[in-house]
Amino acid sequence: MTKGQETAQRLIAIVVIMAMLGVVGIPLSVILFFATVVYFVWRAVQRSEQQDVKNIFDFYVSANEILRDDEKRWFGFEVTQVIGEGERVLHMMADPPPLVYFALGALYHRVGEHEAAAESLACLVEDEAGDEYSRTHPSPELRRYVEVLRRIEREPAEAPQTTAAIRGLERARRARAAAMLEESRARVGTARQPAIPPAPAHAGRDENPLHALAGKRPATAHAPTPVVPPPIADVLRDLYEEEKKTA
């Protein structure tokens, strides 16, 4: 069903309801008031739906700018903000496009959050719903997204920045999705391994430092006898007698 057909059906439904209200005797002023309220509610819902689809393509553009290999330096809060936009897109649809999973997983991989990256990329690489061809029962949100996507593909000049972002993300998805998933899982596994503390330098030795110092002395069978100097009186007497003999 195209967007024009859907709009026509809604208008016909409103006209039928107004006619039924007129048949049951509802005053014309009440019918007009009801029609006005319904019209503005319908327009508000329509704008909200269009904004939801626009948010998806805006996310593609921002994600592609960050993931592109260039020399541009990004602040951490900028990347975090784009990741938040991707999370909102992911949760506002029952069946988000697979490209959203790749862009979000690649952003998590870029900032080093490998557990979140592995979760998003696994939904793309290993889940059966990670391929567009498997989406045979789309939600209304996915239908609107695909309508806009095909219109952009048919007329790329109308949205050149969005077209370039989609093509860049698709190329990266085909070339790197599986490798990024494997790398992220390896990083997560390494981070979860318990660290082995190094053996203490004094392992197997006596904890008493005095004993340790004693252990460094060479072992001897008998301790040497200390040499005690003679009394000073004896030394002086020997010197006096030696002087007398010399004289």
C-alpha atoms as a PDB file:
ATOM      1  CA  MET A   1       0.000   0.000   0.000  1.00  0.00           C
ATOM      2  CA  THR A   2       1.399   3.383  -1.015  1.00  0.00           C
ATOM      3  CA  LYS A   3       1.271   6.512   1.089  1.00  0.00           C
ATOM      4  CA  GLY A   4      -1.402   8.044  -1.194  1.00  0.00           C
ATOM      5  CA  GLN A   5      -3.641   5.002  -0.864  1.00  0.00           C
ATOM      6  CA  GLU A   6      -3.275   5.028   2.908  1.00  0.00           C
ATOM      7  CA  THR A   7      -4.216   8.726   3.064  1.00  0.00           C
ATOM      8  CA  ALA A   8      -7.234   8.165   0.819  1.00  0.00           C
ATOM      9  CA  GLN A   9      -8.473   5.355   3.032  1.00  0.00           C
ATOM     10  CA  ARG A  10      -8.221   7.545   6.111  1.00  0.00           C
ATOM     11  CA  LEU A  11     -10.142  10.367   4.477  1.00  0.00           C
ATOM     12  CA  ILE A  12     -12.872   7.971   3.360  1.00  0.00           C
ATOM     13  CA  ALA A  13     -13.109   6.618   6.912  1.00  0.00           C
ATOM     14  CA  ILE A  14     -13.568  10.142   8.296  1.00  0.00           C
ATOM     15  CA  VAL A  15     -16.274  10.954   5.752  1.00  0.00           C
ATOM     16  CA  VAL A  16     -18.112   7.723   6.547  1.00  0.00           C
ATOM     17  CA  ILE A  17     -18.008   8.461  10.284  1.00  0.00           C
ATOM     18  CA  MET A  18     -19.321  11.996   9.728  1.00  0.00           C
ATOM     19  CA  ALA A  19     -22.156  10.677   7.587  1.00  0.00           C
ATOM     20  CA  MET A  20     -23.100   8.165  10.267  1.00  0.00           C
ATOM     21  CA  LEU A  21     -23.145  10.905  12.887  1.00  0.00           C
ATOM     22  CA  GLY A  22     -25.436  12.968  10.656  1.00  0.00           C
ATOM     23  CA  VAL A  23     -27.819  10.029  10.193  1.00  0.00           C
ATOM     24  CA  VAL A  24     -28.236   9.528  13.938  1.00  0.00           C
ATOM     25  CA  GLY A  25     -29.181  13.175  14.383  1.00  0.00           C
ATOM     26  CA  ILE A  26     -25.951  14.694  15.684  1.00  0.00           C
ATOM     27  CA  PRO A  27     -25.969  18.503  15.141  1.00  0.00           C
ATOM     28  CA  LEU A  28     -23.803  19.808  12.313  1.00  0.00           C
ATOM     29  CA  SER A  29     -21.715  21.956  14.689  1.00  0.00           C
ATOM     30  CA  VAL A  30     -20.792  18.865  16.712  1.00  0.00           C
ATOM     31  CA  ILE A  31     -19.898  16.970  13.552  1.00  0.00           C
ATOM     32  CA  LEU A  32     -17.691  19.831  12.343  1.00  0.00           C
ATOM     33  CA  PHE A  33     -16.008  20.028  15.749  1.00  0.00           C
ATOM     34  CA  PHE A  34     -15.410  16.292  15.724  1.00  0.00           C
ATOM     35  CA  ALA A  35     -14.010  16.455  12.165  1.00  0.00           C
ATOM     36  CA  THR A  36     -11.631  19.259  13.119  1.00  0.00           C
ATOM     37  CA  VAL A  37     -10.328  17.362  16.128  1.00  0.00           C
ATOM     38  CA  VAL A  38      -9.852  14.200  14.081  1.00  0.00           C
ATOM     39  CA  TYR A  39      -8.023  16.131  11.363  1.00  0.00           C
ATOM     40  CA  PHE A  40      -5.510  17.694  13.767  1.00  0.00           C
ATOM     41  CA  VAL A  41      -4.941  14.417  15.572  1.00  0.00           C
ATOM     42  CA  TRP A  42      -4.355  12.700  12.261  1.00  0.00           C
ATOM     43  CA  ARG A  43      -1.883  15.379  11.166  1.00  0.00           C
ATOM     44  CA  ALA A  44      -0.034  15.129  14.493  1.00  0.00           C
ATOM     45  CA  VAL A  45       0.256  11.358  14.149  1.00  0.00           C
ATOM     46  CA  GLN A  46       1.422  11.732  10.561  1.00  0.00           C
ATOM     47  CA  ARG A  47       4.119  14.229  11.502  1.00  0.00           C
ATOM     48  CA  SER A  48       5.252  11.956  14.331  1.00  0.00           C
ATOM     49  CA  GLU A  49       5.556   9.016  11.954  1.00  0.00           C
ATOM     50  CA  GLN A  50       7.521  11.093   9.472  1.00  0.00           C
ATOM     51  CA  GLN A  51       9.833  12.293  12.234  1.00  0.00           C
ATOM     52  CA  ASP A  52      10.466   8.729  13.378  1.00  0.00           C
ATOM     53  CA  VAL A  53      11.557   7.745   9.875  1.00  0.00           C
ATOM     54  CA  LYS A  54      13.675  10.878   9.574  1.00  0.00           C
ATOM     55  CA  ASN A  55      15.437  10.006  12.836  1.00  0.00           C
ATOM     56  CA  ILE A  56      16.622   6.714  11.342  1.00  0.00           C
ATOM     57  CA  PHE A  57      18.269   8.378   8.358  1.00  0.00           C
ATOM     58  CA  ASP A  58      19.711  11.151  10.524  1.00  0.00           C
ATOM     59  CA  PHE A  59      21.298   8.441  12.650  1.00  0.00           C
ATOM     60  CA  TYR A  60      22.821   6.868   9.531  1.00  0.00           C
ATOM     61  CA  VAL A  61      24.387  10.174   8.526  1.00  0.00           C
ATOM     62  CA  SER A  62      25.864  10.846  11.991  1.00  0.00           C
ATOM     63  CA  ALA A  63      27.135   7.290  12.432  1.00  0.00           C
ATOM     64  CA  ASN A  64      28.779   7.237   9.013  1.00  0.00           C
ATOM     65  CA  GLU A  65      30.584  10.507   9.722  1.00  0.00           C
ATOM     66  CA  ILE A  66      32.101   9.061  12.899  1.00  0.00           C
ATOM     67  CA  LEU A  67      32.971   5.652  11.438  1.00  0.00           C
ATOM     68  CA  ARG A  68      34.577   7.018   8.301  1.00  0.00           C
ATOM     69  CA  ASP A  69      38.375   6.690   8.248  1.00  0.00           C
ATOM     70  CA  ASP A  70      39.508  10.287   8.240  1.00  0.00           C
ATOM     71  CA  GLU A  71      41.543  12.571  10.444  1.00  0.00           C
ATOM     72  CA  LYS A  72      38.589  14.241  12.097  1.00  0.00           C
ATOM     73  CA  ARG A  73      38.705  14.014  15.884  1.00  0.00           C
ATOM     74  CA  TRP A  74      35.432  13.457  17.735  1.00  0.00           C
ATOM     75  CA  PHE A  75      34.682  14.358  21.322  1.00  0.00           C
ATOM     76  CA  GLY A  76      33.451  11.557  23.535  1.00  0.00           C
ATOM     77  CA  PHE A  77      30.128  13.232  24.239  1.00  0.00           C
ATOM     78  CA  GLU A  78      29.460  13.526  20.489  1.00  0.00           C
ATOM     79  CA  VAL A  79      29.873   9.793  19.955  1.00  0.00           C
ATOM     80  CA  THR A  80      27.796   9.060  23.070  1.00  0.00           C
ATOM     81  CA  GLN A  81      25.015  11.285  21.748  1.00  0.00           C
ATOM     82  CA  VAL A  82      24.916   9.466  18.410  1.00  0.00           C
ATOM     83  CA  ILE A  83      24.888   6.107  20.208  1.00  0.00           C
ATOM     84  CA  GLY A  84      21.894   7.350  22.213  1.00  0.00           C
ATOM     85  CA  GLU A  85      20.108   8.258  18.975  1.00  0.00           C
ATOM     86  CA  GLY A  86      20.748   4.763  17.665  1.00  0.00           C
ATOM     87  CA  GLU A  87      19.393   3.189  20.842  1.00  0.00           C
ATOM     88  CA  ARG A  88      16.212   5.258  20.554  1.00  0.00           C
ATOM     89  CA  VAL A  89      15.781   4.161  16.947  1.00  0.00           C
ATOM     90  CA  LEU A  90      16.368   0.557  17.964  1.00  0.00           C
ATOM     91  CA  HIS A  91      13.657   0.635  20.625  1.00  0.00           C
ATOM     92  CA  MET A  92      11.007   2.629  18.780  1.00  0.00           C
ATOM     93  CA  MET A  93      10.477  -0.178  16.222  1.00  0.00           C
ATOM     94  CA  ALA A  94       9.466  -3.785  16.674  1.00  0.00           C
ATOM     95  CA  ASP A  95      11.663  -4.796  13.710  1.00  0.00           C
ATOM     96  CA  PRO A  96      14.477  -2.256  13.244  1.00  0.00           C
ATOM     97  CA  PRO A  97      16.378  -2.341   9.938  1.00  0.00           C
ATOM     98  CA  PRO A  98      19.499  -4.530  10.050  1.00  0.00           C
ATOM     99  CA  LEU A  99      21.654  -1.552   9.091  1.00  0.00           C
ATOM    100  CA  VAL A 100      20.729   0.091  12.401  1.00  0.00           C
ATOM    101  CA  TYR A 101      22.194  -2.888  14.270  1.00  0.00           C
ATOM    102  CA  PHE A 102      25.433  -2.618  12.306  1.00  0.00           C
ATOM    103  CA  ALA A 103      25.831   1.151  12.759  1.00  0.00           C
ATOM    104  CA  LEU A 104      25.150   0.901  16.490  1.00  0.00           C
ATOM    105  CA  GLY A 105      27.467  -2.088  16.955  1.00  0.00           C
ATOM    106  CA  ALA A 106      30.245  -0.374  15.001  1.00  0.00           C
ATOM    107  CA  LEU A 107      29.936   2.739  17.171  1.00  0.00           C
ATOM    108  CA  TYR A 108      30.157   0.657  20.351  1.00  0.00           C
ATOM    109  CA  HIS A 109      33.193  -1.087  18.874  1.00  0.00           C
ATOM    110  CA  ARG A 110      34.803   2.285  18.104  1.00  0.00           C
ATOM    111  CA  VAL A 111      34.494   3.510  21.714  1.00  0.00           C
ATOM    112  CA  GLY A 112      35.672   0.204  23.203  1.00  0.00           C
ATOM    113  CA  GLU A 113      32.355  -1.011  24.661  1.00  0.00           C
ATOM    114  CA  HIS A 114      32.859  -4.477  23.243  1.00  0.00           C
ATOM    115  CA  GLU A 115      30.114  -6.271  25.163  1.00  0.00           C
ATOM    116  CA  ALA A 116      27.447  -3.942  23.743  1.00  0.00           C
ATOM    117  CA  ALA A 117      29.119  -4.136  20.322  1.00  0.00           C
ATOM    118  CA  ALA A 118      29.015  -7.935  20.347  1.00  0.00           C
ATOM    119  CA  GLU A 119      25.339  -7.896  21.324  1.00  0.00           C
ATOM    120  CA  SER A 120      24.333  -5.607  18.441  1.00  0.00           C
ATOM    121  CA  LEU A 121      26.555  -7.273  15.847  1.00  0.00           C
ATOM    122  CA  ALA A 122      25.378 -10.762  16.840  1.00  0.00           C
ATOM    123  CA  CYS A 123      21.793  -9.732  16.061  1.00  0.00           C
ATOM    124  CA  LEU A 124      23.022  -8.779  12.601  1.00  0.00           C
ATOM    125  CA  VAL A 125      25.467 -11.597  11.796  1.00  0.00           C
ATOM    126  CA  GLU A 126      23.981 -14.621  13.562  1.00  0.00           C
ATOM    127  CA  ASP A 127      20.251 -13.922  13.950  1.00  0.00           C
ATOM    128  CA  GLU A 128      17.949 -15.065  11.157  1.00  0.00           C
ATOM    129  CA  ALA A 129      16.198 -11.699  11.285  1.00  0.00           C
ATOM    130  CA  GLY A 130      19.525  -9.965  10.599  1.00  0.00           C
ATOM    131  CA  ASP A 131      18.956 -10.247   6.867  1.00  0.00           C
ATOM    132  CA  GLU A 132      16.522  -8.012   5.013  1.00  0.00           C
ATOM    133  CA  TYR A 133      15.222 -10.896   2.934  1.00  0.00           C
ATOM    134  CA  SER A 134      13.822 -12.599   6.037  1.00  0.00           C
ATOM    135  CA  ARG A 135      11.527  -9.665   6.888  1.00  0.00           C
ATOM    136  CA  THR A 136       8.303 -10.920   5.339  1.00  0.00           C
ATOM    137  CA  HIS A 137       5.855  -9.528   7.910  1.00  0.00           C
ATOM    138  CA  PRO A 138       6.893  -5.910   8.475  1.00  0.00           C
ATOM    139  CA  SER A 139       5.510  -3.541  11.055  1.00  0.00           C
ATOM    140  CA  PRO A 140       3.922  -0.265   9.884  1.00  0.00           C
ATOM    141  CA  GLU A 141       7.081   1.554  10.985  1.00  0.00           C
ATOM    142  CA  LEU A 142       9.273  -0.672   8.818  1.00  0.00           C
ATOM    143  CA  ARG A 143       6.939  -0.195   5.851  1.00  0.00           C
ATOM    144  CA  ARG A 144       7.236   3.585   6.123  1.00  0.00           C
ATOM    145  CA  TYR A 145      11.011   3.306   6.450  1.00  0.00           C
ATOM    146  CA  VAL A 146      11.271   1.144   3.318  1.00  0.00           C
ATOM    147  CA  GLU A 147       9.067   3.567   1.350  1.00  0.00           C
ATOM    148  CA  VAL A 148      11.397   6.445   2.149  1.00  0.00           C
ATOM    149  CA  LEU A 149      14.478   4.294   1.524  1.00  0.00           C
ATOM    150  CA  ARG A 150      13.323   3.264  -1.955  1.00  0.00           C
ATOM    151  CA  ARG A 151      12.438   6.868  -2.779  1.00  0.00           C
ATOM    152  CA  ILE A 152      15.956   7.951  -1.782  1.00  0.00           C
ATOM    153  CA  GLU A 153      17.481   5.144  -3.863  1.00  0.00           C
ATOM    154  CA  ARG A 154      15.441   6.127  -6.913  1.00  0.00           C
ATOM    155  CA  GLU A 155      16.264   9.821  -6.539  1.00  0.00           C
ATOM    156  CA  PRO A 156      19.684   9.985  -4.839  1.00  0.00           C
ATOM    157  CA  ALA A 157      20.114  13.628  -5.838  1.00  0.00           C
ATOM    158  CA  GLU A 158      17.264  14.604  -3.476  1.00  0.00           C
ATOM    159  CA  ALA A 159      19.246  13.428  -0.426  1.00  0.00           C
ATOM    160  CA  PRO A 160      22.905  13.031  -1.437  1.00  0.00           C
ATOM    161  CA  GLN A 161      24.265  13.039   2.119  1.00  0.00           C
ATOM    162  CA  THR A 162      21.848  10.339   3.228  1.00  0.00           C
ATOM    163  CA  THR A 163      22.566   8.283   0.110  1.00  0.00           C
ATOM    164  CA  ALA A 164      26.319   8.451   0.729  1.00  0.00           C
ATOM    165  CA  ALA A 165      25.850   7.482   4.385  1.00  0.00           C
ATOM    166  CA  ILE A 166      23.735   4.431   3.534  1.00  0.00           C
ATOM    167  CA  ARG A 167      26.196   3.260   0.891  1.00  0.00           C
ATOM    168  CA  GLY A 168      29.171   3.738   3.208  1.00  0.00           C
ATOM    169  CA  LEU A 169      27.538   1.830   6.043  1.00  0.00           C
ATOM    170  CA  GLU A 170      26.478  -0.988   3.723  1.00  0.00           C
ATOM    171  CA  ARG A 171      30.031  -1.379   2.398  1.00  0.00           C
ATOM    172  CA  ALA A 172      31.425  -1.472   5.921  1.00  0.00           C
ATOM    173  CA  ARG A 173      28.744  -3.949   6.970  1.00  0.00           C
ATOM    174  CA  ARG A 174      29.669  -6.398   4.218  1.00  0.00           C
ATOM    175  CA  ALA A 175      33.400  -6.040   4.797  1.00  0.00           C
ATOM    176  CA  ARG A 176      33.765  -5.790   8.585  1.00  0.00           C
ATOM    177  CA  ALA A 177      30.670  -6.917  10.502  1.00  0.00           C
ATOM    178  CA  ALA A 178      31.813 -10.492  11.146  1.00  0.00           C
ATOM    179  CA  ALA A 179      35.384  -9.445  11.975  1.00  0.00           C
ATOM    180  CA  MET A 180      34.220  -6.808  14.446  1.00  0.00           C
ATOM    181  CA  LEU A 181      31.945  -9.321  16.150  1.00  0.00           C
ATOM    182  CA  GLU A 182      34.811 -11.790  16.537  1.00  0.00           C
ATOM    183  CA  GLU A 183      37.170  -9.114  17.851  1.00  0.00           C
ATOM    184  CA  SER A 184      34.614  -7.769  20.336  1.00  0.00           C
ATOM    185  CA  ARG A 185      33.941 -11.248  21.722  1.00  0.00           C
ATOM    186  CA  ALA A 186      37.676 -11.871  22.080  1.00  0.00           C
ATOM    187  CA  ARG A 187      38.084  -8.602  23.987  1.00  0.00           C
ATOM    188  CA  VAL A 188      35.168  -9.458  26.274  1.00  0.00           C
ATOM    189  CA  GLY A 189      36.624 -12.910  26.966  1.00  0.00           C
ATOM    190  CA  THR A 190      40.019 -11.432  27.784  1.00  0.00           C
ATOM    191  CA  ALA A 191      38.504  -8.859  30.131  1.00  0.00           C
ATOM    192  CA  ARG A 192      36.583 -11.555  32.029  1.00  0.00           C
ATOM    193  CA  GLN A 193      39.623 -13.737  32.704  1.00  0.00           C
ATOM    194  CA  PRO A 194      40.744 -13.470  36.359  1.00  0.00           C
ATOM    195  CA  ALA A 195      44.112 -11.846  36.855  1.00  0.00           C
ATOM    196  CA  ILE A 196      46.780 -14.170  38.331  1.00  0.00           C
ATOM    197  CA  PRO A 197      48.720 -12.321  41.060  1.00  0.00           C
ATOM    198  CA  PRO A 198      52.534 -12.630  40.851  1.00  0.00           C
ATOM    199  CA  ALA A 199      54.278 -14.815  43.432  1.00  0.00           C
ATOM    200  CA  PRO A 200      55.710 -12.754  46.319  1.00  0.00           C
ATOM    201  CA  ALA A 201      59.472 -12.288  46.264  1.00  0.00           C
ATOM    202  CA  HIS A 202      59.829 -13.717  49.784  1.00  0.00           C
ATOM    203  CA  ALA A 203      57.822 -16.874  49.103  1.00  0.00           C
ATOM    204  CA  GLY A 204      59.317 -19.891  50.885  1.00  0.00           C
ATOM    205  CA  ARG A 205      61.617 -17.761  53.045  1.00  0.00           C
ATOM    206  CA  ASP A 206      61.584 -16.927  56.704  1.00  0.00           C
ATOM    207  CA  GLU A 207      59.478 -13.859  57.396  1.00  0.00           C
ATOM    208  CA  ASN A 208      61.812 -12.715  60.237  1.00  0.00           C
ATOM    209  CA  PRO A 209      64.272 -10.181  58.778  1.00  0.00           C
ATOM    210  CA  LEU A 210      66.876 -11.111  61.402  1.00  0.00           C
ATOM    211  CA  HIS A 211      66.665 -14.713  60.314  1.00  0.00           C
ATOM    212  CA  ALA A 212      66.961 -13.626  56.720  1.00  0.00           C
ATOM    213  CA  LEU A 213      70.137 -11.702  57.492  1.00  0.00           C
ATOM    214  CA  ALA A 214      71.482 -14.647  59.425  1.00  0.00           C
ATOM    215  CA  GLY A 215      70.831 -16.876  56.482  1.00  0.00           C
ATOM    216  CA  LYS A 216      73.085 -14.726  54.304  1.00  0.00           C
ATOM    217  CA  ARG A 217      76.153 -15.297  56.566  1.00  0.00           C
ATOM    218  CA  PRO A 218      78.555 -18.065  55.522  1.00  0.00           C
ATOM    219  CA  ALA A 219      78.229 -21.205  57.563  1.00  0.00           C
ATOM    220  CA  THR A 220      81.285 -22.071  59.695  1.00  0.00           C
ATOM    221  CA  ALA A 221      82.057 -25.030  61.977  1.00  0.00           C
ATOM    222  CA  HIS A 222      83.282 -22.876  64.883  1.00  0.00           C
ATOM    223  CA  ALA A 223      82.907 -19.190  65.436  1.00  0.00           C
ATOM    224  CA  PRO A 224      86.314 -17.389  65.582  1.00  0.00           C
ATOM    225  CA  THR A 225      87.612 -16.413  69.059  1.00  0.00           C
ATOM    226  CA  PRO A 226      87.549 -12.655  69.449  1.00  0.00           C
ATOM    227  CA  VAL A 227      90.981 -10.979  69.982  1.00  0.00           C
ATOM    228  CA  VAL A 228      91.039  -9.025  73.272  1.00  0.00           C
ATOM    229  CA  PRO A 229      93.611  -6.184  73.339  1.00  0.00           C
ATOM    230  CA  PRO A 230      96.052  -6.199  76.366  1.00  0.00           C
ATOM    231  CA  PRO A 231      95.493  -3.744  79.177  1.00  0.00           C
ATOM    232  CA  ILE A 232      96.955  -0.310  78.654  1.00  0.00           C
ATOM    233  CA  ALA A 233      99.151  -0.655  81.794  1.00  0.00           C
ATOM    234  CA  ASP A 234     100.902  -3.707  80.335  1.00  0.00           C
ATOM    235  CA  VAL A 235     101.531  -1.882  77.083  1.00  0.00           C
ATOM    236  CA  LEU A 236     103.107   1.086  78.859  1.00  0.00           C
ATOM    237  CA  ARG A 237     105.314  -1.187  81.056  1.00  0.00           C
ATOM    238  CA  ASP A 238     106.613  -3.043  78.002  1.00  0.00           C
ATOM    239  CA  LEU A 239     107.432   0.223  76.288  1.00  0.00           C
ATOM    240  CA  TYR A 240     109.267   1.545  79.437  1.00  0.00           C
ATOM    241  CA  GLU A 241     111.424  -1.570  79.801  1.00  0.00           C
ATOM    242  CA  GLU A 242     112.268  -1.486  76.080  1.00  0.00           C
ATOM    243  CA  GLU A 243     113.458   2.134  76.414  1.00  0.00           C
ATOM    244  CA  LYS A 244     115.698   1.225  79.425  1.00  0.00           C
ATOM    245  CA  LYS A 245     117.372  -1.542  77.465  1.00  0.00           C
ATOM    246  CA  THR A 246     117.997   0.762  74.564  1.00  0.00           C
ATOM    247  CA  ALA A 247     119.539   3.412  76.756  1.00  0.00           C
END
